[in-house]
Amino acid sequence: MPNTTEAASSSWYLDPLVAAQKREVHLELMRGWSNPSPTSRLLKTDLFEEANGNDHILFDIEPAPRRRFGIDLDISTVQCAARRFEQPGAGLFCCDAKHLAIATGSLDAIVSTSTLDHLASTDELRDALTELARVLRPGGKMVVTLDNPRNPLYWLLRLLSSWGCMPFRLGVTVSRSRLIRMLQQTGLEVLDSRMLIHNPRLVSTVLFLALRRLLGRRADRPIAFLLRAFAALDRLPTREFTGCFSAVRARKPVPATEARR
């Protein structure tokens, strides 16, 4: 858990209940897909949540891996995350996901939560996926999530991002089916995929902000009700269009010679 009071502060970019929902959804994804063992080495490919909000996950994944690493391209984000979380066996450093300063085959698990969708082109996205596959050991698992381009509200967010109205700039993204193909092209075996978080982005943010200003803490109940209603959209055939993120789990195959040992 965090060692500083700063880590307990509210996410400035998400309602507290939304941050808790996002955090739990991603932790459940990690528990079911990455399943790191106590002796594993796990990497998270950005530190925005760890630096800024209550939707952080790197130091909450269970079972706890022996070594946790986190990278970010922005040095101030790395420094802020390091101040909030003083953890033994953790390494936070500034690094480009397209050019990892990590030995080949040295990681047991990788978590890339909406990181690579800030890159400028599909070529850069492909390079980053190839690099992540390189540092994963045979048998290691990787979870990648990207913004869902089939969600109509994504394009409104991207427009606002281009106008400088968001704290970060949205880059390229691809559909779930194309992400699956790209991971397979790196030599990884795709195990599963799903859509994550069905809150209508931007619309729900404005709505929750209005409820908070109107009701204060009494807004917890209506916001929680709306979050449950939005989550129910995952059971409908339209989930490909309502999901905010595509998530894919992949595994690096073990060579036949090693499997027989």
C-alpha atoms as a PDB file:
ATOM      1  CA  MET A   1       0.000   0.000   0.000  1.00  0.00           C
ATOM      2  CA  PRO A   2       1.093   3.637  -0.376  1.00  0.00           C
ATOM      3  CA  ASN A   3       3.404   5.017   2.286  1.00  0.00           C
ATOM      4  CA  THR A   4       2.363   8.649   1.939  1.00  0.00           C
ATOM      5  CA  THR A   5      -0.834  10.561   2.584  1.00  0.00           C
ATOM      6  CA  GLU A   6      -0.601  12.022  -0.914  1.00  0.00           C
ATOM      7  CA  ALA A   7      -1.473   8.632  -2.399  1.00  0.00           C
ATOM      8  CA  ALA A   8      -4.804   8.668  -0.580  1.00  0.00           C
ATOM      9  CA  SER A   9      -5.943  11.900  -2.198  1.00  0.00           C
ATOM     10  CA  SER A  10      -8.784  11.960  -4.703  1.00  0.00           C
ATOM     11  CA  SER A  11      -8.134  11.595  -8.406  1.00  0.00           C
ATOM     12  CA  TRP A  12      -8.313  15.099  -9.857  1.00  0.00           C
ATOM     13  CA  TYR A  13      -9.458  13.775 -13.236  1.00  0.00           C
ATOM     14  CA  LEU A  14     -12.064  11.206 -12.099  1.00  0.00           C
ATOM     15  CA  ASP A  15     -14.924  11.118  -9.603  1.00  0.00           C
ATOM     16  CA  PRO A  16     -13.823   9.014  -6.590  1.00  0.00           C
ATOM     17  CA  LEU A  17     -16.376   6.293  -7.345  1.00  0.00           C
ATOM     18  CA  VAL A  18     -15.355   6.190 -11.006  1.00  0.00           C
ATOM     19  CA  ALA A  19     -11.692   5.920 -10.006  1.00  0.00           C
ATOM     20  CA  ALA A  20     -12.575   3.038  -7.671  1.00  0.00           C
ATOM     21  CA  GLN A  21     -14.544   1.328 -10.449  1.00  0.00           C
ATOM     22  CA  LYS A  22     -11.730   1.710 -12.986  1.00  0.00           C
ATOM     23  CA  ARG A  23      -9.181   0.440 -10.484  1.00  0.00           C
ATOM     24  CA  GLU A  24     -11.229  -2.632  -9.557  1.00  0.00           C
ATOM     25  CA  VAL A  25     -12.027  -3.506 -13.176  1.00  0.00           C
ATOM     26  CA  HIS A  26      -8.338  -3.460 -14.075  1.00  0.00           C
ATOM     27  CA  LEU A  27      -7.266  -5.346 -10.935  1.00  0.00           C
ATOM     28  CA  GLU A  28      -9.818  -8.043 -11.740  1.00  0.00           C
ATOM     29  CA  LEU A  29      -8.418  -8.167 -15.257  1.00  0.00           C
ATOM     30  CA  MET A  30      -4.917  -8.672 -13.858  1.00  0.00           C
ATOM     31  CA  ARG A  31      -6.049 -11.316 -11.371  1.00  0.00           C
ATOM     32  CA  GLY A  32      -7.775 -13.312 -14.051  1.00  0.00           C
ATOM     33  CA  TRP A  33      -5.270 -12.863 -16.880  1.00  0.00           C
ATOM     34  CA  SER A  34      -1.733 -12.009 -15.787  1.00  0.00           C
ATOM     35  CA  ASN A  35      -1.786 -14.104 -12.585  1.00  0.00           C
ATOM     36  CA  PRO A  36       1.746 -13.114 -11.497  1.00  0.00           C
ATOM     37  CA  SER A  37       3.354 -15.393  -8.933  1.00  0.00           C
ATOM     38  CA  PRO A  38       5.243 -14.149  -5.848  1.00  0.00           C
ATOM     39  CA  THR A  39       8.509 -14.767  -7.724  1.00  0.00           C
ATOM     40  CA  SER A  40       7.528 -12.964 -10.908  1.00  0.00           C
ATOM     41  CA  ARG A  41       8.786  -9.743 -12.476  1.00  0.00           C
ATOM     42  CA  LEU A  42       6.009  -7.467 -13.685  1.00  0.00           C
ATOM     43  CA  LEU A  43       6.140  -4.283 -15.767  1.00  0.00           C
ATOM     44  CA  LYS A  44       3.507  -1.554 -16.145  1.00  0.00           C
ATOM     45  CA  THR A  45       4.075   0.612 -19.196  1.00  0.00           C
ATOM     46  CA  ASP A  46       2.973   3.984 -17.811  1.00  0.00           C
ATOM     47  CA  LEU A  47       2.690   5.676 -14.428  1.00  0.00           C
ATOM     48  CA  PHE A  48       0.005   8.321 -14.965  1.00  0.00           C
ATOM     49  CA  GLU A  49      -2.428   6.724 -12.499  1.00  0.00           C
ATOM     50  CA  GLU A  50       0.299   6.005  -9.955  1.00  0.00           C
ATOM     51  CA  ALA A  51       1.397   9.641 -10.140  1.00  0.00           C
ATOM     52  CA  ASN A  52      -2.016  11.283 -10.102  1.00  0.00           C
ATOM     53  CA  GLY A  53      -5.028   9.267  -9.060  1.00  0.00           C
ATOM     54  CA  ASN A  54      -6.842   6.628  -7.073  1.00  0.00           C
ATOM     55  CA  ASP A  55      -7.161   4.379 -10.128  1.00  0.00           C
ATOM     56  CA  HIS A  56      -3.552   3.177  -9.659  1.00  0.00           C
ATOM     57  CA  ILE A  57      -2.958  -0.585  -9.943  1.00  0.00           C
ATOM     58  CA  LEU A  58       0.790  -1.301 -10.053  1.00  0.00           C
ATOM     59  CA  PHE A  59       1.186  -1.746  -6.291  1.00  0.00           C
ATOM     60  CA  ASP A  60      -2.132  -3.500  -5.733  1.00  0.00           C
ATOM     61  CA  ILE A  61      -1.894  -6.506  -8.077  1.00  0.00           C
ATOM     62  CA  GLU A  62      -2.261  -9.799  -6.200  1.00  0.00           C
ATOM     63  CA  PRO A  63      -0.569 -12.142  -5.744  1.00  0.00           C
ATOM     64  CA  ALA A  64       2.216  -9.639  -5.301  1.00  0.00           C
ATOM     65  CA  PRO A  65       5.078 -10.143  -7.771  1.00  0.00           C
ATOM     66  CA  ARG A  66       8.601 -10.180  -6.361  1.00  0.00           C
ATOM     67  CA  ARG A  67       9.674  -7.248  -8.510  1.00  0.00           C
ATOM     68  CA  ARG A  68       7.465  -4.515  -9.945  1.00  0.00           C
ATOM     69  CA  PHE A  69       8.686  -2.100 -12.591  1.00  0.00           C
ATOM     70  CA  GLY A  70       6.971   0.952 -13.972  1.00  0.00           C
ATOM     71  CA  ILE A  71       8.043   3.161 -16.851  1.00  0.00           C
ATOM     72  CA  ASP A  72       6.873   6.463 -18.256  1.00  0.00           C
ATOM     73  CA  LEU A  73       8.173   8.771 -20.936  1.00  0.00           C
ATOM     74  CA  ASP A  74       7.649  11.830 -18.700  1.00  0.00           C
ATOM     75  CA  ILE A  75      10.264  12.195 -15.949  1.00  0.00           C
ATOM     76  CA  SER A  76       8.009  14.352 -13.756  1.00  0.00           C
ATOM     77  CA  THR A  77       5.377  11.598 -13.798  1.00  0.00           C
ATOM     78  CA  VAL A  78       7.988   9.035 -12.732  1.00  0.00           C
ATOM     79  CA  GLN A  79       9.155  11.291  -9.916  1.00  0.00           C
ATOM     80  CA  CYS A  80       5.631  11.942  -8.678  1.00  0.00           C
ATOM     81  CA  ALA A  81       4.799   8.234  -8.685  1.00  0.00           C
ATOM     82  CA  ALA A  82       8.024   7.491  -6.788  1.00  0.00           C
ATOM     83  CA  ARG A  83       7.088  10.063  -4.122  1.00  0.00           C
ATOM     84  CA  ARG A  84       3.623   8.583  -3.678  1.00  0.00           C
ATOM     85  CA  PHE A  85       4.705   4.940  -3.526  1.00  0.00           C
ATOM     86  CA  GLU A  86       7.865   3.992  -1.691  1.00  0.00           C
ATOM     87  CA  GLN A  87       7.890   0.252  -2.255  1.00  0.00           C
ATOM     88  CA  PRO A  88      10.676  -2.305  -1.727  1.00  0.00           C
ATOM     89  CA  GLY A  89      11.449  -4.310  -4.826  1.00  0.00           C
ATOM     90  CA  ALA A  90      10.017  -1.655  -7.134  1.00  0.00           C
ATOM     91  CA  GLY A  91      11.796   0.157  -9.932  1.00  0.00           C
ATOM     92  CA  LEU A  92      10.291   3.236 -11.566  1.00  0.00           C
ATOM     93  CA  PHE A  93      12.194   4.819 -14.406  1.00  0.00           C
ATOM     94  CA  CYS A  94      11.893   7.011 -17.463  1.00  0.00           C
ATOM     95  CA  CYS A  95      11.824   4.961 -20.648  1.00  0.00           C
ATOM     96  CA  ASP A  96      10.268   4.830 -24.107  1.00  0.00           C
ATOM     97  CA  ALA A  97       8.001   1.804 -24.644  1.00  0.00           C
ATOM     98  CA  LYS A  98       9.331   1.570 -28.210  1.00  0.00           C
ATOM     99  CA  HIS A  99      12.932   1.229 -26.977  1.00  0.00           C
ATOM    100  CA  LEU A 100      12.951  -0.593 -23.655  1.00  0.00           C
ATOM    101  CA  ALA A 101      16.133  -0.629 -21.581  1.00  0.00           C
ATOM    102  CA  ILE A 102      15.227  -4.137 -20.438  1.00  0.00           C
ATOM    103  CA  ALA A 103      16.926  -7.447 -21.244  1.00  0.00           C
ATOM    104  CA  THR A 104      15.263  -9.819 -23.705  1.00  0.00           C
ATOM    105  CA  GLY A 105      13.053 -12.439 -22.051  1.00  0.00           C
ATOM    106  CA  SER A 106      13.453 -11.004 -18.558  1.00  0.00           C
ATOM    107  CA  LEU A 107       9.825 -10.268 -17.581  1.00  0.00           C
ATOM    108  CA  ASP A 108       7.103 -12.652 -16.462  1.00  0.00           C
ATOM    109  CA  ALA A 109       4.148 -10.305 -16.943  1.00  0.00           C
ATOM    110  CA  ILE A 110       3.433  -6.979 -18.632  1.00  0.00           C
ATOM    111  CA  VAL A 111       0.477  -4.687 -18.041  1.00  0.00           C
ATOM    112  CA  SER A 112      -0.067  -1.967 -20.645  1.00  0.00           C
ATOM    113  CA  THR A 113      -3.219  -0.055 -19.740  1.00  0.00           C
ATOM    114  CA  SER A 114      -4.151   2.520 -22.415  1.00  0.00           C
ATOM    115  CA  THR A 115      -0.498   3.484 -22.883  1.00  0.00           C
ATOM    116  CA  LEU A 116       0.232   2.684 -26.499  1.00  0.00           C
ATOM    117  CA  ASP A 117      -2.806   4.629 -27.733  1.00  0.00           C
ATOM    118  CA  HIS A 118      -0.819   7.807 -27.124  1.00  0.00           C
ATOM    119  CA  LEU A 119       1.668   6.942 -29.871  1.00  0.00           C
ATOM    120  CA  ALA A 120       1.615   8.889 -33.128  1.00  0.00           C
ATOM    121  CA  SER A 121       1.154   6.111 -35.709  1.00  0.00           C
ATOM    122  CA  THR A 122       0.309   2.451 -36.200  1.00  0.00           C
ATOM    123  CA  ASP A 123       3.965   1.851 -37.086  1.00  0.00           C
ATOM    124  CA  GLU A 124       4.972   3.124 -33.648  1.00  0.00           C
ATOM    125  CA  LEU A 125       2.248   1.003 -32.054  1.00  0.00           C
ATOM    126  CA  ARG A 126       3.578  -2.056 -33.883  1.00  0.00           C
ATOM    127  CA  ASP A 127       7.150  -1.240 -32.787  1.00  0.00           C
ATOM    128  CA  ALA A 128       6.051  -0.934 -29.155  1.00  0.00           C
ATOM    129  CA  LEU A 129       4.160  -4.250 -29.231  1.00  0.00           C
ATOM    130  CA  THR A 130       7.210  -5.930 -30.791  1.00  0.00           C
ATOM    131  CA  GLU A 131       9.429  -4.493 -28.070  1.00  0.00           C
ATOM    132  CA  LEU A 132       7.097  -5.639 -25.296  1.00  0.00           C
ATOM    133  CA  ALA A 133       7.021  -9.116 -26.800  1.00  0.00           C
ATOM    134  CA  ARG A 134      10.846  -9.122 -26.891  1.00  0.00           C
ATOM    135  CA  VAL A 135      11.273  -8.533 -23.152  1.00  0.00           C
ATOM    136  CA  LEU A 136       8.618 -11.094 -22.179  1.00  0.00           C
ATOM    137  CA  ARG A 137       9.977 -14.517 -21.242  1.00  0.00           C
ATOM    138  CA  PRO A 138       8.660 -17.689 -22.926  1.00  0.00           C
ATOM    139  CA  GLY A 139       5.447 -18.547 -21.091  1.00  0.00           C
ATOM    140  CA  GLY A 140       5.060 -14.976 -19.851  1.00  0.00           C
ATOM    141  CA  LYS A 141       1.763 -13.149 -20.227  1.00  0.00           C
ATOM    142  CA  MET A 142       0.863  -9.662 -21.354  1.00  0.00           C
ATOM    143  CA  VAL A 143      -2.319  -7.602 -21.064  1.00  0.00           C
ATOM    144  CA  VAL A 144      -2.775  -4.680 -23.453  1.00  0.00           C
ATOM    145  CA  THR A 145      -5.655  -2.212 -23.447  1.00  0.00           C
ATOM    146  CA  LEU A 146      -6.288   0.513 -26.013  1.00  0.00           C
ATOM    147  CA  ASP A 147      -8.928   3.175 -26.563  1.00  0.00           C
ATOM    148  CA  ASN A 148     -11.848   1.684 -28.477  1.00  0.00           C
ATOM    149  CA  PRO A 149     -12.186   3.477 -31.846  1.00  0.00           C
ATOM    150  CA  ARG A 150     -15.614   1.897 -32.413  1.00  0.00           C
ATOM    151  CA  ASN A 151     -17.022   3.932 -29.516  1.00  0.00           C
ATOM    152  CA  PRO A 152     -18.464   7.141 -31.083  1.00  0.00           C
ATOM    153  CA  LEU A 153     -17.495   9.239 -28.052  1.00  0.00           C
ATOM    154  CA  TYR A 154     -13.830   8.356 -28.587  1.00  0.00           C
ATOM    155  CA  TRP A 155     -13.734  10.667 -31.610  1.00  0.00           C
ATOM    156  CA  LEU A 156     -15.148  13.560 -29.586  1.00  0.00           C
ATOM    157  CA  LEU A 157     -12.445  12.999 -26.974  1.00  0.00           C
ATOM    158  CA  ARG A 158      -9.808  12.881 -29.684  1.00  0.00           C
ATOM    159  CA  LEU A 159     -11.054  16.195 -31.099  1.00  0.00           C
ATOM    160  CA  LEU A 160     -10.931  17.815 -27.662  1.00  0.00           C
ATOM    161  CA  SER A 161      -7.462  16.375 -27.181  1.00  0.00           C
ATOM    162  CA  SER A 162      -6.268  17.967 -30.435  1.00  0.00           C
ATOM    163  CA  TRP A 163      -7.551  21.315 -29.141  1.00  0.00           C
ATOM    164  CA  GLY A 164      -5.522  20.944 -25.931  1.00  0.00           C
ATOM    165  CA  CYS A 165      -8.621  20.516 -23.744  1.00  0.00           C
ATOM    166  CA  MET A 166      -7.348  17.346 -22.046  1.00  0.00           C
ATOM    167  CA  PRO A 167      -4.413  16.667 -19.706  1.00  0.00           C
ATOM    168  CA  PHE A 168      -2.891  14.332 -22.314  1.00  0.00           C
ATOM    169  CA  ARG A 169      -2.992  13.970 -26.077  1.00  0.00           C
ATOM    170  CA  LEU A 170      -4.707  10.973 -27.628  1.00  0.00           C
ATOM    171  CA  GLY A 171      -2.744   9.246 -30.354  1.00  0.00           C
ATOM    172  CA  VAL A 172      -3.429   6.313 -32.633  1.00  0.00           C
ATOM    173  CA  THR A 173      -5.547   3.327 -31.690  1.00  0.00           C
ATOM    174  CA  VAL A 174      -6.896   0.231 -33.435  1.00  0.00           C
ATOM    175  CA  SER A 175      -9.907  -2.042 -33.108  1.00  0.00           C
ATOM    176  CA  ARG A 176      -9.850  -5.106 -30.906  1.00  0.00           C
ATOM    177  CA  SER A 177      -9.625  -7.433 -33.929  1.00  0.00           C
ATOM    178  CA  ARG A 178      -6.673  -5.523 -35.362  1.00  0.00           C
ATOM    179  CA  LEU A 179      -4.903  -5.431 -31.984  1.00  0.00           C
ATOM    180  CA  ILE A 180      -5.274  -9.217 -31.847  1.00  0.00           C
ATOM    181  CA  ARG A 181      -3.698  -9.552 -35.300  1.00  0.00           C
ATOM    182  CA  MET A 182      -0.836  -7.211 -34.392  1.00  0.00           C
ATOM    183  CA  LEU A 183      -0.040  -9.195 -31.259  1.00  0.00           C
ATOM    184  CA  GLN A 184      -0.080 -12.417 -33.246  1.00  0.00           C
ATOM    185  CA  GLN A 185       2.333 -10.873 -35.739  1.00  0.00           C
ATOM    186  CA  THR A 186       4.832 -10.326 -32.898  1.00  0.00           C
ATOM    187  CA  GLY A 187       4.776 -14.083 -32.276  1.00  0.00           C
ATOM    188  CA  LEU A 188       2.466 -14.000 -29.259  1.00  0.00           C
ATOM    189  CA  GLU A 189      -0.461 -16.357 -28.726  1.00  0.00           C
ATOM    190  CA  VAL A 190      -3.693 -14.458 -28.036  1.00  0.00           C
ATOM    191  CA  LEU A 191      -5.623 -16.114 -25.219  1.00  0.00           C
ATOM    192  CA  ASP A 192      -8.640 -13.892 -24.692  1.00  0.00           C
ATOM    193  CA  SER A 193     -10.107 -10.439 -25.228  1.00  0.00           C
ATOM    194  CA  ARG A 194     -12.946  -8.263 -23.972  1.00  0.00           C
ATOM    195  CA  MET A 195     -14.294  -4.721 -23.777  1.00  0.00           C
ATOM    196  CA  LEU A 196     -13.724  -2.687 -20.622  1.00  0.00           C
ATOM    197  CA  ILE A 197     -15.715   0.082 -18.895  1.00  0.00           C
ATOM    198  CA  HIS A 198     -18.938   1.176 -20.549  1.00  0.00           C
ATOM    199  CA  ASN A 199     -19.423   4.590 -18.935  1.00  0.00           C
ATOM    200  CA  PRO A 200     -20.102   7.095 -21.743  1.00  0.00           C
ATOM    201  CA  ARG A 201     -16.851   9.065 -21.556  1.00  0.00           C
ATOM    202  CA  LEU A 202     -17.117  12.832 -21.225  1.00  0.00           C
ATOM    203  CA  VAL A 203     -20.925  12.608 -20.902  1.00  0.00           C
ATOM    204  CA  SER A 204     -20.689  10.633 -17.656  1.00  0.00           C
ATOM    205  CA  THR A 205     -17.872  12.888 -16.405  1.00  0.00           C
ATOM    206  CA  VAL A 206     -20.027  15.995 -16.851  1.00  0.00           C
ATOM    207  CA  LEU A 207     -23.036  14.238 -15.325  1.00  0.00           C
ATOM    208  CA  PHE A 208     -21.123  13.023 -12.271  1.00  0.00           C
ATOM    209  CA  LEU A 209     -19.546  16.442 -11.770  1.00  0.00           C
ATOM    210  CA  ALA A 210     -22.998  18.060 -11.816  1.00  0.00           C
ATOM    211  CA  LEU A 211     -24.304  15.521  -9.291  1.00  0.00           C
ATOM    212  CA  ARG A 212     -21.322  16.140  -7.012  1.00  0.00           C
ATOM    213  CA  ARG A 213     -21.814  19.896  -7.088  1.00  0.00           C
ATOM    214  CA  LEU A 214     -25.537  19.542  -6.467  1.00  0.00           C
ATOM    215  CA  LEU A 215     -25.554  16.789  -3.840  1.00  0.00           C
ATOM    216  CA  GLY A 216     -22.037  16.566  -2.438  1.00  0.00           C
ATOM    217  CA  ARG A 217     -21.479  13.241  -0.665  1.00  0.00           C
ATOM    218  CA  ARG A 218     -25.145  12.366  -1.168  1.00  0.00           C
ATOM    219  CA  ALA A 219     -24.273  11.919  -4.827  1.00  0.00           C
ATOM    220  CA  ASP A 220     -22.606   8.584  -4.002  1.00  0.00           C
ATOM    221  CA  ARG A 221     -25.849   6.650  -4.314  1.00  0.00           C
ATOM    222  CA  PRO A 222     -27.024   7.955  -7.727  1.00  0.00           C
ATOM    223  CA  ILE A 223     -23.505   7.776  -9.160  1.00  0.00           C
ATOM    224  CA  ALA A 224     -23.092   4.186  -7.935  1.00  0.00           C
ATOM    225  CA  PHE A 225     -26.466   3.316  -9.486  1.00  0.00           C
ATOM    226  CA  LEU A 226     -25.432   4.822 -12.830  1.00  0.00           C
ATOM    227  CA  LEU A 227     -22.097   2.977 -12.769  1.00  0.00           C
ATOM    228  CA  ARG A 228     -23.926  -0.333 -12.262  1.00  0.00           C
ATOM    229  CA  ALA A 229     -26.302   0.525 -15.098  1.00  0.00           C
ATOM    230  CA  PHE A 230     -23.432   1.370 -17.441  1.00  0.00           C
ATOM    231  CA  ALA A 231     -21.589  -1.826 -16.439  1.00  0.00           C
ATOM    232  CA  ALA A 232     -24.653  -3.837 -17.485  1.00  0.00           C
ATOM    233  CA  LEU A 233     -24.029  -2.710 -21.080  1.00  0.00           C
ATOM    234  CA  ASP A 234     -21.219  -5.265 -21.216  1.00  0.00           C
ATOM    235  CA  ARG A 235     -23.875  -7.984 -21.435  1.00  0.00           C
ATOM    236  CA  LEU A 236     -25.434  -6.543 -24.589  1.00  0.00           C
ATOM    237  CA  PRO A 237     -24.449  -7.204 -28.223  1.00  0.00           C
ATOM    238  CA  THR A 238     -23.628  -3.482 -28.517  1.00  0.00           C
ATOM    239  CA  ARG A 239     -20.687  -3.767 -26.120  1.00  0.00           C
ATOM    240  CA  GLU A 240     -18.233  -3.371 -29.014  1.00  0.00           C
ATOM    241  CA  PHE A 241     -19.544   0.198 -29.375  1.00  0.00           C
ATOM    242  CA  THR A 242     -20.108   1.135 -25.714  1.00  0.00           C
ATOM    243  CA  GLY A 243     -16.808  -0.155 -24.303  1.00  0.00           C
ATOM    244  CA  CYS A 244     -14.222   2.541 -23.646  1.00  0.00           C
ATOM    245  CA  PHE A 245     -11.262   0.173 -24.006  1.00  0.00           C
ATOM    246  CA  SER A 246     -10.353  -3.027 -25.838  1.00  0.00           C
ATOM    247  CA  ALA A 247      -8.399  -5.498 -23.722  1.00  0.00           C
ATOM    248  CA  VAL A 248      -6.389  -8.437 -25.035  1.00  0.00           C
ATOM    249  CA  ARG A 249      -4.473 -11.079 -23.104  1.00  0.00           C
ATOM    250  CA  ALA A 250      -1.551 -12.760 -24.843  1.00  0.00           C
ATOM    251  CA  ARG A 251       1.134 -15.296 -24.008  1.00  0.00           C
ATOM    252  CA  LYS A 252       4.617 -15.803 -25.352  1.00  0.00           C
ATOM    253  CA  PRO A 253       4.850 -19.424 -26.544  1.00  0.00           C
ATOM    254  CA  VAL A 254       7.352 -21.754 -24.957  1.00  0.00           C
ATOM    255  CA  PRO A 255       9.663 -23.329 -27.575  1.00  0.00           C
ATOM    256  CA  ALA A 256       8.993 -27.015 -28.070  1.00  0.00           C
ATOM    257  CA  THR A 257      12.546 -27.885 -26.969  1.00  0.00           C
ATOM    258  CA  GLU A 258      12.003 -26.156 -23.627  1.00  0.00           C
ATOM    259  CA  ALA A 259       8.517 -27.584 -23.145  1.00  0.00           C
ATOM    260  CA  ARG A 260       9.909 -31.132 -23.317  1.00  0.00           C
ATOM    261  CA  ARG A 261      12.461 -30.541 -20.593  1.00  0.00           C
END
